[in-house]
Amino acid sequence: MLWIYDIPTWQLISLISALFLGINFVGTLLFRWMLGFRRADRVPEKVELYATFFGNHGVYMSILVGLLAVGVYNNMSEADGKAHSEAIAAGALYRCFTMYPEPMRGRMQASMLAYLDQVQKKEWPMQQRGEVPPTTHPTLGAIFQELIAFNPNNKPMEIAHAETLHAIREFYQKRRDRLFALEDNIAPLLWYVVIIGSLVTMVLVWLMDMGLVDHLMYGSLSAFFQAALIGYILAMDNPFMGDQSVSPEPYQQVVQELRTMPADLIPANSQPTNK
């Protein structure tokens, strides 16, 4: 089903709407033909029973589809927030590196810029294909090894180094949060419930006793609205796929900001000491 994210959202909704409208058209004509010989014998009580059942079912479907729509919107918003949080944490960690002497400082800052570039050019296309990048990253591993091997030689540097270690742990957590958000989507069982519920709604409309034009119009409006909602939910079900997906723009903004950031002064007495 991942192929649906390769087409624009408006085309996806149009295809689902065309499918629902086609099923409604065929079903309406078929049921009218099957029940036509009994139409004159229908009593008002039976028609009222159909209408009551349809109203009750409509409430259930409205609640279910409404909750799913709100759920996928919240997932999308949270995924976007996690991407922003990781980008902000990367910028904060980059600034922590300014406290270290050269050449260690330059290596770590260059590695962080390389990581942000790889997220945009390698990991983001993987996410858009439905693939989950590995949790570990070699560039981040190299930065971590540099920090572990560093031995501060004065109290201010010791405090700054402890803050940097805390910052990189926070950054790793933000990265994991973003990767775990790739799996935030609707369970397949719920999709079966939605599809069955939509078919039941159509059948209840087909059982209504009204003129042909009114029958087709009423059923088509109901089917189109269901199709639009399902298309919306489906388009946003995977936060990092499709044209409605989370954008890598926060990483681009952070990289642009970091590349234009003026170089900070390094204390002359700060020298790296290996353990």
C-alpha atoms as a PDB file:
ATOM      1  CA  MET A   1       0.000   0.000   0.000  1.00  0.00           C
ATOM      2  CA  LEU A   2       3.005   2.342   0.193  1.00  0.00           C
ATOM      3  CA  TRP A   3       2.610   3.149  -3.509  1.00  0.00           C
ATOM      4  CA  ILE A   4      -0.320   5.433  -2.660  1.00  0.00           C
ATOM      5  CA  TYR A   5       2.136   7.957  -1.209  1.00  0.00           C
ATOM      6  CA  ASP A   6       3.813   8.326  -4.597  1.00  0.00           C
ATOM      7  CA  ILE A   7       0.791  10.180  -5.977  1.00  0.00           C
ATOM      8  CA  PRO A   8      -0.474  13.650  -4.944  1.00  0.00           C
ATOM      9  CA  THR A   9      -3.059  13.765  -2.178  1.00  0.00           C
ATOM     10  CA  TRP A  10      -5.739  15.293  -4.397  1.00  0.00           C
ATOM     11  CA  GLN A  11      -5.349  12.396  -6.840  1.00  0.00           C
ATOM     12  CA  LEU A  12      -5.551   9.891  -3.994  1.00  0.00           C
ATOM     13  CA  ILE A  13      -8.784  11.425  -2.686  1.00  0.00           C
ATOM     14  CA  SER A  14     -10.139  11.589  -6.247  1.00  0.00           C
ATOM     15  CA  LEU A  15      -9.418   7.875  -6.827  1.00  0.00           C
ATOM     16  CA  ILE A  16     -11.043   6.839  -3.545  1.00  0.00           C
ATOM     17  CA  SER A  17     -14.031   9.090  -4.274  1.00  0.00           C
ATOM     18  CA  ALA A  18     -14.431   7.616  -7.762  1.00  0.00           C
ATOM     19  CA  LEU A  19     -14.320   4.096  -6.289  1.00  0.00           C
ATOM     20  CA  PHE A  20     -16.924   4.898  -3.630  1.00  0.00           C
ATOM     21  CA  LEU A  21     -19.198   6.691  -6.109  1.00  0.00           C
ATOM     22  CA  GLY A  22     -18.955   3.782  -8.545  1.00  0.00           C
ATOM     23  CA  ILE A  23     -19.833   1.260  -5.839  1.00  0.00           C
ATOM     24  CA  ASN A  24     -22.719   3.455  -4.698  1.00  0.00           C
ATOM     25  CA  PHE A  25     -24.089   3.817  -8.236  1.00  0.00           C
ATOM     26  CA  VAL A  26     -23.989   0.085  -8.968  1.00  0.00           C
ATOM     27  CA  GLY A  27     -25.296  -0.846  -5.517  1.00  0.00           C
ATOM     28  CA  THR A  28     -28.191   1.609  -5.692  1.00  0.00           C
ATOM     29  CA  LEU A  29     -29.379   0.293  -9.044  1.00  0.00           C
ATOM     30  CA  LEU A  30     -28.875  -3.325  -7.982  1.00  0.00           C
ATOM     31  CA  PHE A  31     -30.810  -2.964  -4.728  1.00  0.00           C
ATOM     32  CA  ARG A  32     -33.614  -1.041  -6.420  1.00  0.00           C
ATOM     33  CA  TRP A  33     -33.922  -3.848  -8.935  1.00  0.00           C
ATOM     34  CA  MET A  34     -33.778  -6.577  -6.262  1.00  0.00           C
ATOM     35  CA  LEU A  35     -36.303  -4.892  -3.978  1.00  0.00           C
ATOM     36  CA  GLY A  36     -38.462  -3.295  -6.647  1.00  0.00           C
ATOM     37  CA  PHE A  37     -41.134  -5.980  -6.561  1.00  0.00           C
ATOM     38  CA  ARG A  38     -41.675  -5.335  -2.843  1.00  0.00           C
ATOM     39  CA  ARG A  39     -41.448  -1.564  -2.920  1.00  0.00           C
ATOM     40  CA  ALA A  40     -45.203  -1.053  -3.100  1.00  0.00           C
ATOM     41  CA  ASP A  41     -45.707  -3.331  -0.070  1.00  0.00           C
ATOM     42  CA  ARG A  42     -43.419  -1.404   2.242  1.00  0.00           C
ATOM     43  CA  VAL A  43     -45.087  -0.006   5.319  1.00  0.00           C
ATOM     44  CA  PRO A  44     -44.069   3.317   6.926  1.00  0.00           C
ATOM     45  CA  GLU A  45     -42.905   1.520  10.080  1.00  0.00           C
ATOM     46  CA  LYS A  46     -40.297  -0.439   8.110  1.00  0.00           C
ATOM     47  CA  VAL A  47     -39.021   2.666   6.343  1.00  0.00           C
ATOM     48  CA  GLU A  48     -38.784   4.432   9.691  1.00  0.00           C
ATOM     49  CA  LEU A  49     -36.848   1.463  11.093  1.00  0.00           C
ATOM     50  CA  TYR A  50     -34.301   1.734   8.264  1.00  0.00           C
ATOM     51  CA  ALA A  51     -33.929   5.464   8.897  1.00  0.00           C
ATOM     52  CA  THR A  52     -33.429   4.933  12.646  1.00  0.00           C
ATOM     53  CA  PHE A  53     -30.835   2.223  12.073  1.00  0.00           C
ATOM     54  CA  PHE A  54     -29.052   4.457   9.562  1.00  0.00           C
ATOM     55  CA  GLY A  55     -29.021   7.347  12.054  1.00  0.00           C
ATOM     56  CA  ASN A  56     -27.559   5.204  14.833  1.00  0.00           C
ATOM     57  CA  HIS A  57     -24.933   3.722  12.539  1.00  0.00           C
ATOM     58  CA  GLY A  58     -24.047   7.203  11.296  1.00  0.00           C
ATOM     59  CA  VAL A  59     -23.300   8.286  14.870  1.00  0.00           C
ATOM     60  CA  TYR A  60     -20.951   5.338  15.386  1.00  0.00           C
ATOM     61  CA  MET A  61     -19.157   5.958  12.092  1.00  0.00           C
ATOM     62  CA  SER A  62     -18.881   9.694  12.731  1.00  0.00           C
ATOM     63  CA  ILE A  63     -17.271   9.088  16.109  1.00  0.00           C
ATOM     64  CA  LEU A  64     -14.872   6.457  14.730  1.00  0.00           C
ATOM     65  CA  VAL A  65     -13.777   8.411  11.657  1.00  0.00           C
ATOM     66  CA  GLY A  66     -13.608  11.644  13.640  1.00  0.00           C
ATOM     67  CA  LEU A  67     -11.323  10.092  16.240  1.00  0.00           C
ATOM     68  CA  LEU A  68      -9.113   8.632  13.522  1.00  0.00           C
ATOM     69  CA  ALA A  69      -8.888  12.008  11.762  1.00  0.00           C
ATOM     70  CA  VAL A  70      -7.918  13.731  15.003  1.00  0.00           C
ATOM     71  CA  GLY A  71      -5.474  10.902  15.790  1.00  0.00           C
ATOM     72  CA  VAL A  72      -3.582  11.110  12.484  1.00  0.00           C
ATOM     73  CA  TYR A  73      -3.480  14.902  12.713  1.00  0.00           C
ATOM     74  CA  ASN A  74      -1.987  14.667  16.201  1.00  0.00           C
ATOM     75  CA  ASN A  75       0.548  12.077  14.986  1.00  0.00           C
ATOM     76  CA  MET A  76       1.545  14.405  12.163  1.00  0.00           C
ATOM     77  CA  SER A  77       1.906  17.362  14.527  1.00  0.00           C
ATOM     78  CA  GLU A  78       3.933  15.327  17.023  1.00  0.00           C
ATOM     79  CA  ALA A  79       6.212  13.966  14.293  1.00  0.00           C
ATOM     80  CA  ASP A  80       6.823  17.502  13.017  1.00  0.00           C
ATOM     81  CA  GLY A  81       7.559  18.614  16.582  1.00  0.00           C
ATOM     82  CA  LYS A  82      10.044  15.780  17.048  1.00  0.00           C
ATOM     83  CA  ALA A  83      11.887  16.765  13.866  1.00  0.00           C
ATOM     84  CA  HIS A  84      12.059  20.368  15.093  1.00  0.00           C
ATOM     85  CA  SER A  85      13.284  19.211  18.511  1.00  0.00           C
ATOM     86  CA  GLU A  86      16.090  17.147  16.989  1.00  0.00           C
ATOM     87  CA  ALA A  87      17.182  20.012  14.754  1.00  0.00           C
ATOM     88  CA  ILE A  88      17.200  22.432  17.712  1.00  0.00           C
ATOM     89  CA  ALA A  89      19.137  19.933  19.850  1.00  0.00           C
ATOM     90  CA  ALA A  90      21.699  19.551  17.048  1.00  0.00           C
ATOM     91  CA  GLY A  91      22.177  23.324  16.927  1.00  0.00           C
ATOM     92  CA  ALA A  92      22.589  23.494  20.705  1.00  0.00           C
ATOM     93  CA  LEU A  93      25.160  20.680  20.650  1.00  0.00           C
ATOM     94  CA  TYR A  94      27.071  22.405  17.848  1.00  0.00           C
ATOM     95  CA  ARG A  95      27.325  25.520  20.022  1.00  0.00           C
ATOM     96  CA  CYS A  96      28.603  23.420  22.928  1.00  0.00           C
ATOM     97  CA  PHE A  97      31.507  22.390  20.726  1.00  0.00           C
ATOM     98  CA  THR A  98      32.733  26.004  20.614  1.00  0.00           C
ATOM     99  CA  MET A  99      34.078  25.522  24.149  1.00  0.00           C
ATOM    100  CA  TYR A 100      36.657  22.977  22.965  1.00  0.00           C
ATOM    101  CA  PRO A 101      40.088  23.769  21.555  1.00  0.00           C
ATOM    102  CA  GLU A 102      41.175  23.171  18.004  1.00  0.00           C
ATOM    103  CA  PRO A 103      41.499  20.845  16.175  1.00  0.00           C
ATOM    104  CA  MET A 104      38.935  18.901  18.226  1.00  0.00           C
ATOM    105  CA  ARG A 105      36.413  21.715  17.957  1.00  0.00           C
ATOM    106  CA  GLY A 106      36.631  21.881  14.160  1.00  0.00           C
ATOM    107  CA  ARG A 107      36.329  18.108  13.747  1.00  0.00           C
ATOM    108  CA  MET A 108      33.202  17.858  15.900  1.00  0.00           C
ATOM    109  CA  GLN A 109      31.498  20.847  14.297  1.00  0.00           C
ATOM    110  CA  ALA A 110      32.283  19.529  10.823  1.00  0.00           C
ATOM    111  CA  SER A 111      30.916  16.119  11.836  1.00  0.00           C
ATOM    112  CA  MET A 112      27.682  17.679  13.126  1.00  0.00           C
ATOM    113  CA  LEU A 113      27.184  19.605   9.877  1.00  0.00           C
ATOM    114  CA  ALA A 114      27.863  16.379   7.957  1.00  0.00           C
ATOM    115  CA  TYR A 115      25.257  14.576  10.076  1.00  0.00           C
ATOM    116  CA  LEU A 116      22.601  17.228   9.402  1.00  0.00           C
ATOM    117  CA  ASP A 117      23.415  17.020   5.699  1.00  0.00           C
ATOM    118  CA  GLN A 118      23.085  13.216   5.739  1.00  0.00           C
ATOM    119  CA  VAL A 119      19.721  13.437   7.518  1.00  0.00           C
ATOM    120  CA  GLN A 120      18.372  15.580   4.700  1.00  0.00           C
ATOM    121  CA  LYS A 121      19.940  13.752   1.761  1.00  0.00           C
ATOM    122  CA  LYS A 122      19.959  10.115   2.937  1.00  0.00           C
ATOM    123  CA  GLU A 123      17.632   9.506   5.869  1.00  0.00           C
ATOM    124  CA  TRP A 124      14.748  11.665   4.669  1.00  0.00           C
ATOM    125  CA  PRO A 125      14.442   9.858   1.288  1.00  0.00           C
ATOM    126  CA  MET A 126      14.534   6.548   3.202  1.00  0.00           C
ATOM    127  CA  GLN A 127      11.718   7.730   5.468  1.00  0.00           C
ATOM    128  CA  GLN A 128       9.662   8.828   2.462  1.00  0.00           C
ATOM    129  CA  ARG A 129      10.001   5.299   1.042  1.00  0.00           C
ATOM    130  CA  GLY A 130       8.737   3.803   4.301  1.00  0.00           C
ATOM    131  CA  GLU A 131      12.169   2.627   5.450  1.00  0.00           C
ATOM    132  CA  VAL A 132      13.444   3.173   8.992  1.00  0.00           C
ATOM    133  CA  PRO A 133      17.063   4.434   9.222  1.00  0.00           C
ATOM    134  CA  PRO A 134      19.278   2.729  11.814  1.00  0.00           C
ATOM    135  CA  THR A 135      19.177   4.199  15.305  1.00  0.00           C
ATOM    136  CA  THR A 136      22.971   4.439  15.494  1.00  0.00           C
ATOM    137  CA  HIS A 137      24.905   6.750  13.195  1.00  0.00           C
ATOM    138  CA  PRO A 138      28.675   6.536  12.470  1.00  0.00           C
ATOM    139  CA  THR A 139      29.144  10.313  12.395  1.00  0.00           C
ATOM    140  CA  LEU A 140      27.517  10.723  15.798  1.00  0.00           C
ATOM    141  CA  GLY A 141      29.558   7.796  17.091  1.00  0.00           C
ATOM    142  CA  ALA A 142      32.767   9.569  16.083  1.00  0.00           C
ATOM    143  CA  ILE A 143      31.675  12.714  17.943  1.00  0.00           C
ATOM    144  CA  PHE A 144      30.833  10.710  21.045  1.00  0.00           C
ATOM    145  CA  GLN A 145      34.218   8.981  21.009  1.00  0.00           C
ATOM    146  CA  GLU A 146      35.968  12.360  20.788  1.00  0.00           C
ATOM    147  CA  LEU A 147      34.055  13.611  23.821  1.00  0.00           C
ATOM    148  CA  ILE A 148      34.697  10.461  25.869  1.00  0.00           C
ATOM    149  CA  ALA A 149      38.434  10.664  25.149  1.00  0.00           C
ATOM    150  CA  PHE A 150      38.660  14.329  26.158  1.00  0.00           C
ATOM    151  CA  ASN A 151      40.057  15.131  29.618  1.00  0.00           C
ATOM    152  CA  PRO A 152      39.399  18.718  30.811  1.00  0.00           C
ATOM    153  CA  ASN A 153      42.326  20.354  32.604  1.00  0.00           C
ATOM    154  CA  ASN A 154      40.502  23.061  34.573  1.00  0.00           C
ATOM    155  CA  LYS A 155      37.249  23.495  36.477  1.00  0.00           C
ATOM    156  CA  PRO A 156      35.391  25.707  33.961  1.00  0.00           C
ATOM    157  CA  MET A 157      36.222  23.294  31.162  1.00  0.00           C
ATOM    158  CA  GLU A 158      35.142  20.372  33.329  1.00  0.00           C
ATOM    159  CA  ILE A 159      31.728  21.987  33.869  1.00  0.00           C
ATOM    160  CA  ALA A 160      31.393  22.797  30.150  1.00  0.00           C
ATOM    161  CA  HIS A 161      32.364  19.238  29.229  1.00  0.00           C
ATOM    162  CA  ALA A 162      29.735  17.803  31.584  1.00  0.00           C
ATOM    163  CA  GLU A 163      27.103  20.037  29.961  1.00  0.00           C
ATOM    164  CA  THR A 164      28.178  18.849  26.514  1.00  0.00           C
ATOM    165  CA  LEU A 165      27.854  15.198  27.535  1.00  0.00           C
ATOM    166  CA  HIS A 166      24.375  15.947  28.840  1.00  0.00           C
ATOM    167  CA  ALA A 167      23.525  17.767  25.594  1.00  0.00           C
ATOM    168  CA  ILE A 168      24.634  14.854  23.405  1.00  0.00           C
ATOM    169  CA  ARG A 169      22.547  12.425  25.460  1.00  0.00           C
ATOM    170  CA  GLU A 170      19.537  14.706  24.970  1.00  0.00           C
ATOM    171  CA  PHE A 171      20.299  14.891  21.263  1.00  0.00           C
ATOM    172  CA  TYR A 172      20.463  11.097  20.947  1.00  0.00           C
ATOM    173  CA  GLN A 173      17.033  10.881  22.617  1.00  0.00           C
ATOM    174  CA  LYS A 174      15.557  13.409  20.192  1.00  0.00           C
ATOM    175  CA  ARG A 175      16.917  11.400  17.279  1.00  0.00           C
ATOM    176  CA  ARG A 176      15.337   8.198  18.621  1.00  0.00           C
ATOM    177  CA  ASP A 177      12.031   9.987  19.120  1.00  0.00           C
ATOM    178  CA  ARG A 178      12.037  11.072  15.485  1.00  0.00           C
ATOM    179  CA  LEU A 179      12.864   7.563  14.246  1.00  0.00           C
ATOM    180  CA  PHE A 180      10.217   5.942  16.441  1.00  0.00           C
ATOM    181  CA  ALA A 181       7.640   8.382  15.027  1.00  0.00           C
ATOM    182  CA  LEU A 182       8.020   6.582  11.684  1.00  0.00           C
ATOM    183  CA  GLU A 183       5.889   3.757  13.064  1.00  0.00           C
ATOM    184  CA  ASP A 184       3.077   5.965  14.400  1.00  0.00           C
ATOM    185  CA  ASN A 185       0.195   4.963  12.155  1.00  0.00           C
ATOM    186  CA  ILE A 186      -3.251   3.404  12.311  1.00  0.00           C
ATOM    187  CA  ALA A 187      -3.454  -0.327  13.068  1.00  0.00           C
ATOM    188  CA  PRO A 188      -4.645  -2.436  10.067  1.00  0.00           C
ATOM    189  CA  LEU A 189      -7.561  -3.765  12.140  1.00  0.00           C
ATOM    190  CA  LEU A 190      -9.009  -0.260  12.438  1.00  0.00           C
ATOM    191  CA  TRP A 191      -8.840   0.154   8.665  1.00  0.00           C
ATOM    192  CA  TYR A 192     -10.937  -3.036   8.276  1.00  0.00           C
ATOM    193  CA  VAL A 193     -13.486  -1.602  10.701  1.00  0.00           C
ATOM    194  CA  VAL A 194     -13.651   1.668   8.743  1.00  0.00           C
ATOM    195  CA  ILE A 195     -14.065  -0.113   5.404  1.00  0.00           C
ATOM    196  CA  ILE A 196     -16.774  -2.449   6.720  1.00  0.00           C
ATOM    197  CA  GLY A 197     -18.523   0.484   8.399  1.00  0.00           C
ATOM    198  CA  SER A 198     -18.501   2.444   5.124  1.00  0.00           C
ATOM    199  CA  LEU A 199     -20.017  -0.507   3.247  1.00  0.00           C
ATOM    200  CA  VAL A 200     -22.726  -0.872   5.898  1.00  0.00           C
ATOM    201  CA  THR A 201     -23.523   2.838   5.501  1.00  0.00           C
ATOM    202  CA  MET A 202     -23.934   2.372   1.757  1.00  0.00           C
ATOM    203  CA  VAL A 203     -26.173  -0.653   2.205  1.00  0.00           C
ATOM    204  CA  LEU A 204     -28.425   1.257   4.621  1.00  0.00           C
ATOM    205  CA  VAL A 205     -28.748   4.060   2.053  1.00  0.00           C
ATOM    206  CA  TRP A 206     -29.582   1.517  -0.647  1.00  0.00           C
ATOM    207  CA  LEU A 207     -32.429   0.189   1.492  1.00  0.00           C
ATOM    208  CA  MET A 208     -34.088   3.620   1.662  1.00  0.00           C
ATOM    209  CA  ASP A 209     -37.348   4.057  -0.258  1.00  0.00           C
ATOM    210  CA  MET A 210     -37.144   7.186  -2.438  1.00  0.00           C
ATOM    211  CA  GLY A 211     -37.090   8.278  -6.056  1.00  0.00           C
ATOM    212  CA  LEU A 212     -34.226   7.208  -8.300  1.00  0.00           C
ATOM    213  CA  VAL A 213     -32.684  10.677  -8.665  1.00  0.00           C
ATOM    214  CA  ASP A 214     -32.963  11.394  -4.936  1.00  0.00           C
ATOM    215  CA  HIS A 215     -31.618   7.929  -4.143  1.00  0.00           C
ATOM    216  CA  LEU A 216     -28.550   8.371  -6.326  1.00  0.00           C
ATOM    217  CA  MET A 217     -27.917  11.928  -5.136  1.00  0.00           C
ATOM    218  CA  TYR A 218     -28.297  11.125  -1.450  1.00  0.00           C
ATOM    219  CA  GLY A 219     -26.114   8.032  -1.711  1.00  0.00           C
ATOM    220  CA  SER A 220     -23.478   9.858  -3.781  1.00  0.00           C
ATOM    221  CA  LEU A 221     -23.166  12.714  -1.285  1.00  0.00           C
ATOM    222  CA  SER A 222     -22.796  10.259   1.586  1.00  0.00           C
ATOM    223  CA  ALA A 223     -20.249   8.148  -0.322  1.00  0.00           C
ATOM    224  CA  PHE A 224     -18.213  11.181  -1.406  1.00  0.00           C
ATOM    225  CA  PHE A 225     -17.973  12.555   2.121  1.00  0.00           C
ATOM    226  CA  GLN A 226     -16.825   9.173   3.451  1.00  0.00           C
ATOM    227  CA  ALA A 227     -14.261   8.878   0.657  1.00  0.00           C
ATOM    228  CA  ALA A 228     -12.872  12.364   1.344  1.00  0.00           C
ATOM    229  CA  LEU A 229     -12.445  11.607   5.053  1.00  0.00           C
ATOM    230  CA  ILE A 230     -10.824   8.233   4.402  1.00  0.00           C
ATOM    231  CA  GLY A 231      -8.519   9.802   1.807  1.00  0.00           C
ATOM    232  CA  TYR A 232      -7.505  12.505   4.268  1.00  0.00           C
ATOM    233  CA  ILE A 233      -6.796   9.944   6.999  1.00  0.00           C
ATOM    234  CA  LEU A 234      -4.863   7.719   4.614  1.00  0.00           C
ATOM    235  CA  ALA A 235      -2.758  10.603   3.267  1.00  0.00           C
ATOM    236  CA  MET A 236      -1.684  11.623   6.786  1.00  0.00           C
ATOM    237  CA  ASP A 237      -1.417   8.139   8.283  1.00  0.00           C
ATOM    238  CA  ASN A 238       2.354   7.976   7.678  1.00  0.00           C
ATOM    239  CA  PRO A 239       3.811  11.299   8.884  1.00  0.00           C
ATOM    240  CA  PHE A 240       7.002  11.080   6.806  1.00  0.00           C
ATOM    241  CA  MET A 241       5.488   9.877   3.501  1.00  0.00           C
ATOM    242  CA  GLY A 242       3.573  11.626   0.724  1.00  0.00           C
ATOM    243  CA  ASP A 243       3.209  15.284  -0.189  1.00  0.00           C
ATOM    244  CA  GLN A 244       1.586  16.025   3.190  1.00  0.00           C
ATOM    245  CA  SER A 245       4.546  14.621   5.114  1.00  0.00           C
ATOM    246  CA  VAL A 246       6.869  16.240   7.642  1.00  0.00           C
ATOM    247  CA  SER A 247       9.421  18.472   5.943  1.00  0.00           C
ATOM    248  CA  PRO A 248      13.219  18.484   6.561  1.00  0.00           C
ATOM    249  CA  GLU A 249      13.089  22.285   6.562  1.00  0.00           C
ATOM    250  CA  PRO A 250      14.048  22.594  10.287  1.00  0.00           C
ATOM    251  CA  TYR A 251      17.377  20.885   9.532  1.00  0.00           C
ATOM    252  CA  GLN A 252      17.973  23.190   6.565  1.00  0.00           C
ATOM    253  CA  GLN A 253      17.325  26.247   8.716  1.00  0.00           C
ATOM    254  CA  VAL A 254      19.671  25.027  11.458  1.00  0.00           C
ATOM    255  CA  VAL A 255      22.464  24.278   8.968  1.00  0.00           C
ATOM    256  CA  GLN A 256      22.094  27.710   7.395  1.00  0.00           C
ATOM    257  CA  GLU A 257      22.189  29.347  10.832  1.00  0.00           C
ATOM    258  CA  LEU A 258      25.219  27.360  11.971  1.00  0.00           C
ATOM    259  CA  ARG A 259      27.210  28.020   8.795  1.00  0.00           C
ATOM    260  CA  THR A 260      26.721  31.769   9.199  1.00  0.00           C
ATOM    261  CA  MET A 261      27.399  31.761  12.943  1.00  0.00           C
ATOM    262  CA  PRO A 262      30.528  33.824  13.852  1.00  0.00           C
ATOM    263  CA  ALA A 263      33.409  31.881  15.349  1.00  0.00           C
ATOM    264  CA  ASP A 264      33.614  32.075  19.128  1.00  0.00           C
ATOM    265  CA  LEU A 265      36.845  32.840  20.972  1.00  0.00           C
ATOM    266  CA  ILE A 266      38.577  29.874  22.622  1.00  0.00           C
ATOM    267  CA  PRO A 267      40.374  30.399  25.933  1.00  0.00           C
ATOM    268  CA  ALA A 268      44.101  30.303  25.344  1.00  0.00           C
ATOM    269  CA  ASN A 269      44.745  28.006  28.290  1.00  0.00           C
ATOM    270  CA  SER A 270      42.228  25.357  27.134  1.00  0.00           C
ATOM    271  CA  GLN A 271      44.222  22.466  25.798  1.00  0.00           C
ATOM    272  CA  PRO A 272      42.945  18.935  25.168  1.00  0.00           C
ATOM    273  CA  THR A 273      44.425  16.224  27.321  1.00  0.00           C
ATOM    274  CA  ASN A 274      43.889  12.616  26.338  1.00  0.00           C
ATOM    275  CA  LYS A 275      43.095  10.048  28.981  1.00  0.00           C
END
